[in-house]
Amino acid sequence: MNKDWIKLLIGAFFEVLWVIGMKHSTTWWEIVLTVIFIFISFYALIQAGETLPVGTAYAVFVGLGTAGTVITGILFFGEEFKIAKMLLIATLLIGVMGLKMVTGEKGVDQK
């Protein structure tokens, strides 16, 4: 896995953090931290998108962020666990892995 995919994974991780922060921030410093996470998340996405195909990068970013947010909600915030929800998340992750597999390591701009 090259550095651009790692940047994308970092961006997706921070996406999960800021989405959680949007719901659970109650103090000024939590709000500031959430804003910082937003900037880190999108900066990583933009950096990865300079080399990776932007459509694939965005789909992977959003897919991983969505899956991470749902799983975090279930594990840490008492959201309802449903088998159907987990099957749909698994389907989403399979699609994200498929996009990663069909996208070359070097991206579209490099040959």
Protein backbone atom coordinates (compact mmCIF):
# COMPACT_ATOMS: atom_id res chain seq x y z
CA MET A 1 0.00 0.00 0.00
CA ASN A 2 1.52 3.31 -0.98
CA LYS A 3 1.55 6.56 0.97
CA ASP A 4 -1.51 7.99 -0.80
CA TRP A 5 -3.72 5.12 0.38
CA ILE A 6 -2.33 5.58 3.89
CA LYS A 7 -3.23 9.29 3.71
CA LEU A 8 -6.72 8.27 2.69
CA LEU A 9 -7.00 5.87 5.65
CA ILE A 10 -5.84 8.64 8.00
CA GLY A 11 -8.43 10.97 6.50
CA ALA A 12 -11.18 8.39 7.00
CA PHE A 13 -10.09 7.86 10.61
CA PHE A 14 -10.33 11.58 11.32
CA GLU A 15 -13.68 11.67 9.51
CA VAL A 16 -15.03 9.23 12.08
CA LEU A 17 -13.69 11.44 14.87
CA TRP A 18 -15.23 14.65 13.56
CA VAL A 19 -18.59 13.05 12.83
CA ILE A 20 -18.70 11.80 16.42
CA GLY A 21 -17.57 15.23 17.58
CA MET A 22 -20.40 16.90 15.68
CA LYS A 23 -22.92 14.94 17.72
CA HIS A 24 -21.25 14.77 21.12
CA SER A 25 -19.31 18.06 21.48
CA THR A 26 -20.67 20.20 24.29
CA THR A 27 -17.77 22.42 25.36
CA TRP A 28 -15.86 25.01 23.35
CA TRP A 29 -12.66 22.93 23.33
CA GLU A 30 -14.52 19.85 22.04
CA ILE A 31 -15.95 21.98 19.24
CA VAL A 32 -12.49 23.35 18.41
CA LEU A 33 -11.09 19.80 18.39
CA THR A 34 -13.91 18.73 16.06
CA VAL A 35 -13.05 21.56 13.65
CA ILE A 36 -9.38 20.54 13.74
CA PHE A 37 -10.40 16.96 12.92
CA ILE A 38 -12.45 18.25 9.97
CA PHE A 39 -9.41 20.07 8.58
CA ILE A 40 -7.11 17.07 9.08
CA SER A 41 -9.64 14.75 7.46
CA PHE A 42 -10.17 16.83 4.35
CA TYR A 43 -6.49 17.77 4.06
CA ALA A 44 -5.62 14.05 3.97
CA LEU A 45 -8.34 13.44 1.36
CA ILE A 46 -7.08 16.31 -0.80
CA GLN A 47 -3.48 15.09 -0.54
CA ALA A 48 -4.46 11.54 -1.50
CA GLY A 49 -6.64 12.85 -4.34
CA GLU A 50 -3.65 14.51 -5.98
CA THR A 51 -2.41 11.09 -7.08
CA LEU A 52 -5.32 8.67 -6.71
CA PRO A 53 -8.38 8.91 -8.96
CA VAL A 54 -10.59 11.42 -7.18
CA GLY A 55 -13.80 9.40 -7.56
CA THR A 56 -12.21 6.30 -6.09
CA ALA A 57 -10.50 8.28 -3.32
CA TYR A 58 -13.75 9.96 -2.32
CA ALA A 59 -15.73 6.71 -2.41
CA VAL A 60 -13.19 4.95 -0.21
CA PHE A 61 -13.00 7.95 2.14
CA VAL A 62 -16.76 8.14 2.61
CA GLY A 63 -17.23 4.36 2.74
CA LEU A 64 -14.63 3.86 5.45
CA GLY A 65 -15.87 6.90 7.34
CA THR A 66 -19.44 5.65 7.22
CA ALA A 67 -18.52 2.15 8.33
CA GLY A 68 -16.30 3.48 11.09
CA THR A 69 -18.96 5.86 12.35
CA VAL A 70 -21.65 3.17 12.45
CA ILE A 71 -19.40 0.66 14.20
CA THR A 72 -18.17 3.27 16.69
CA GLY A 73 -21.75 4.26 17.43
CA ILE A 74 -22.64 0.67 18.21
CA LEU A 75 -19.53 -0.07 20.29
CA PHE A 76 -19.24 3.16 22.28
CA PHE A 77 -22.54 5.03 22.18
CA GLY A 78 -25.17 2.34 22.61
CA GLU A 79 -26.67 2.57 19.14
CA GLU A 80 -28.81 -0.37 18.13
CA PHE A 81 -27.07 -3.42 16.69
CA LYS A 82 -28.89 -5.09 13.81
CA ILE A 83 -27.72 -7.95 11.63
CA ALA A 84 -29.07 -6.18 8.54
CA LYS A 85 -27.02 -3.08 9.40
CA MET A 86 -23.86 -5.18 9.74
CA LEU A 87 -24.52 -6.96 6.44
CA LEU A 88 -24.93 -3.61 4.69
CA ILE A 89 -21.72 -2.29 6.27
CA ALA A 90 -19.94 -5.48 5.13
CA THR A 91 -21.29 -4.91 1.62
CA LEU A 92 -20.02 -1.32 1.73
CA LEU A 93 -16.57 -2.44 2.88
CA ILE A 94 -16.42 -5.11 0.16
CA GLY A 95 -17.16 -2.39 -2.38
CA VAL A 96 -14.46 -0.14 -0.91
CA MET A 97 -11.92 -2.99 -1.02
CA GLY A 98 -12.97 -3.72 -4.59
CA LEU A 99 -12.34 -0.11 -5.59
CA LYS A 100 -8.92 -0.26 -3.96
CA MET A 101 -8.09 -3.49 -5.80
CA VAL A 102 -9.06 -2.21 -9.25
CA THR A 103 -7.25 1.08 -8.78
CA GLY A 104 -3.56 0.86 -9.58
CA GLU A 105 -1.01 1.53 -6.86
CA LYS A 106 0.49 4.37 -8.86
CA GLY A 107 -2.77 6.24 -9.52
CA VAL A 108 -3.98 7.60 -12.84
CA ASP A 109 -1.40 10.33 -13.32
CA GLN A 110 1.63 8.07 -13.03
CA LYS A 111 2.54 5.39 -15.55
